[in-house]
Amino acid sequence: MAEDEYRELEVRDGKVACLPGKDETVAHCRFCVHSRYFRVKGTYRKSPALAFCLRHRDADEVDLSAVEAVKCGDRHGEGYRSMMSIIG
């Protein structure tokens, strides 16, 4: 998926509108298979979830309290899915 095809979810009170009527915390996003980038102070950083991906192992930790938005790769309305079920 091209980077410009990601949904950008604004953070409000530490949560994003993952699905209509379903908010998730940014802490959940850091472990979601769909999260790709976190915006912190206007700069996009790879999601910590990508540190576990064989293709993107270079993601650093992100200060979750400073996240302004999350770029999400969920285009089919699946919502939050923990990557722990994949690596565990």
C-alpha atoms as a PDB file:
ATOM      1  CA  MET A   1       0.000   0.000   0.000  1.00  0.00           C
ATOM      2  CA  ALA A   2       1.399   3.385  -0.945  1.00  0.00           C
ATOM      3  CA  GLU A   3       2.053   5.782   1.929  1.00  0.00           C
ATOM      4  CA  ASP A   4      -0.537   8.269   0.629  1.00  0.00           C
ATOM      5  CA  GLU A   5      -3.251   5.590   0.846  1.00  0.00           C
ATOM      6  CA  TYR A   6      -3.099   5.360   4.639  1.00  0.00           C
ATOM      7  CA  ARG A   7      -5.909   6.745   6.744  1.00  0.00           C
ATOM      8  CA  GLU A   8      -4.683   9.523   9.008  1.00  0.00           C
ATOM      9  CA  LEU A   9      -6.380   9.337  12.386  1.00  0.00           C
ATOM     10  CA  GLU A  10      -6.077  12.425  14.580  1.00  0.00           C
ATOM     11  CA  VAL A  11      -5.381  11.797  18.260  1.00  0.00           C
ATOM     12  CA  ARG A  12      -7.847  13.289  20.730  1.00  0.00           C
ATOM     13  CA  ASP A  13      -7.437  12.700  24.457  1.00  0.00           C
ATOM     14  CA  GLY A  14      -4.955   9.892  23.740  1.00  0.00           C
ATOM     15  CA  LYS A  15      -7.356   8.030  21.423  1.00  0.00           C
ATOM     16  CA  VAL A  16      -8.070   7.653  17.713  1.00  0.00           C
ATOM     17  CA  ALA A  17     -11.374   6.861  15.971  1.00  0.00           C
ATOM     18  CA  CYS A  18     -10.319   3.430  14.749  1.00  0.00           C
ATOM     19  CA  LEU A  19     -13.804   2.562  13.487  1.00  0.00           C
ATOM     20  CA  PRO A  20     -17.042   4.571  13.617  1.00  0.00           C
ATOM     21  CA  GLY A  21     -18.063   4.556  17.278  1.00  0.00           C
ATOM     22  CA  LYS A  22     -14.941   2.616  18.288  1.00  0.00           C
ATOM     23  CA  ASP A  23     -12.035   4.565  19.753  1.00  0.00           C
ATOM     24  CA  GLU A  24      -8.698   2.928  20.530  1.00  0.00           C
ATOM     25  CA  THR A  25      -5.879   4.253  22.652  1.00  0.00           C
ATOM     26  CA  VAL A  26      -2.579   5.199  21.059  1.00  0.00           C
ATOM     27  CA  ALA A  27      -1.053   2.504  23.277  1.00  0.00           C
ATOM     28  CA  HIS A  28      -3.168  -0.055  21.399  1.00  0.00           C
ATOM     29  CA  CYS A  29      -2.110   1.436  18.055  1.00  0.00           C
ATOM     30  CA  ARG A  30       1.535   0.791  18.878  1.00  0.00           C
ATOM     31  CA  PHE A  31       0.741  -2.945  18.833  1.00  0.00           C
ATOM     32  CA  CYS A  32      -1.751  -2.958  15.945  1.00  0.00           C
ATOM     33  CA  VAL A  33      -0.888  -4.696  12.662  1.00  0.00           C
ATOM     34  CA  HIS A  34      -2.431  -1.766  10.780  1.00  0.00           C
ATOM     35  CA  SER A  35      -0.480   1.120  12.329  1.00  0.00           C
ATOM     36  CA  ARG A  36       2.265   2.441  10.076  1.00  0.00           C
ATOM     37  CA  TYR A  37       3.365   5.880  11.261  1.00  0.00           C
ATOM     38  CA  PHE A  38       2.914   8.120  14.301  1.00  0.00           C
ATOM     39  CA  ARG A  39       3.056  11.893  13.883  1.00  0.00           C
ATOM     40  CA  VAL A  40       5.006  13.566  16.684  1.00  0.00           C
ATOM     41  CA  LYS A  41       5.633  17.331  16.531  1.00  0.00           C
ATOM     42  CA  GLY A  42       4.735  17.329  12.829  1.00  0.00           C
ATOM     43  CA  THR A  43       7.206  14.562  11.912  1.00  0.00           C
ATOM     44  CA  TYR A  44       6.191  11.028  10.973  1.00  0.00           C
ATOM     45  CA  ARG A  45       7.963   8.162  12.706  1.00  0.00           C
ATOM     46  CA  LYS A  46       7.479   4.486  11.979  1.00  0.00           C
ATOM     47  CA  SER A  47       5.026   2.751  14.255  1.00  0.00           C
ATOM     48  CA  PRO A  48       6.643   0.676  17.013  1.00  0.00           C
ATOM     49  CA  ALA A  49       4.580  -2.253  15.681  1.00  0.00           C
ATOM     50  CA  LEU A  50       6.851  -2.308  12.638  1.00  0.00           C
ATOM     51  CA  ALA A  51       9.823  -3.207  14.845  1.00  0.00           C
ATOM     52  CA  PHE A  52       8.387  -6.723  14.876  1.00  0.00           C
ATOM     53  CA  CYS A  53       7.881  -6.865  11.102  1.00  0.00           C
ATOM     54  CA  LEU A  54      10.600  -8.689   9.167  1.00  0.00           C
ATOM     55  CA  ARG A  55      10.453  -6.027   6.477  1.00  0.00           C
ATOM     56  CA  HIS A  56      10.670  -2.929   8.733  1.00  0.00           C
ATOM     57  CA  ARG A  57      12.770  -3.837  11.758  1.00  0.00           C
ATOM     58  CA  ASP A  58      14.182  -0.349  12.179  1.00  0.00           C
ATOM     59  CA  ALA A  59      11.303   1.329  14.038  1.00  0.00           C
ATOM     60  CA  ASP A  60      12.206   3.146  17.254  1.00  0.00           C
ATOM     61  CA  GLU A  61      10.136   3.648  20.376  1.00  0.00           C
ATOM     62  CA  VAL A  62       7.743   6.616  20.238  1.00  0.00           C
ATOM     63  CA  ASP A  63       6.681   8.925  23.075  1.00  0.00           C
ATOM     64  CA  LEU A  64       2.996   8.002  23.068  1.00  0.00           C
ATOM     65  CA  SER A  65       2.023  11.092  25.052  1.00  0.00           C
ATOM     66  CA  ALA A  66       3.286  13.278  22.185  1.00  0.00           C
ATOM     67  CA  VAL A  67       1.528  11.502  19.293  1.00  0.00           C
ATOM     68  CA  GLU A  68      -0.702  13.847  17.277  1.00  0.00           C
ATOM     69  CA  ALA A  69      -1.948  11.404  14.624  1.00  0.00           C
ATOM     70  CA  VAL A  70      -1.593   7.812  13.439  1.00  0.00           C
ATOM     71  CA  LYS A  71      -1.334   6.680   9.830  1.00  0.00           C
ATOM     72  CA  CYS A  72      -3.333   3.491   9.585  1.00  0.00           C
ATOM     73  CA  GLY A  73      -3.226   0.851   6.843  1.00  0.00           C
ATOM     74  CA  ASP A  74      -6.670  -0.607   7.634  1.00  0.00           C
ATOM     75  CA  ARG A  75      -8.658  -0.034   4.431  1.00  0.00           C
ATOM     76  CA  HIS A  76     -11.228  -2.783   4.991  1.00  0.00           C
ATOM     77  CA  GLY A  77     -12.722  -1.704   8.321  1.00  0.00           C
ATOM     78  CA  GLU A  78     -11.253  -4.521  10.369  1.00  0.00           C
ATOM     79  CA  GLY A  79     -10.244  -2.236  13.235  1.00  0.00           C
ATOM     80  CA  TYR A  80      -7.669  -2.936  15.906  1.00  0.00           C
ATOM     81  CA  ARG A  81      -5.879  -6.257  15.548  1.00  0.00           C
ATOM     82  CA  SER A  82      -3.059  -7.040  17.909  1.00  0.00           C
ATOM     83  CA  MET A  83       0.179  -8.090  16.275  1.00  0.00           C
ATOM     84  CA  MET A  84       0.805 -10.273  19.320  1.00  0.00           C
ATOM     85  CA  SER A  85      -1.492 -12.896  17.807  1.00  0.00           C
ATOM     86  CA  ILE A  86       0.845 -13.016  14.820  1.00  0.00           C
ATOM     87  CA  ILE A  87       4.196 -13.188  16.626  1.00  0.00           C
ATOM     88  CA  GLY A  88       2.996 -15.049  19.730  1.00  0.00           C
END
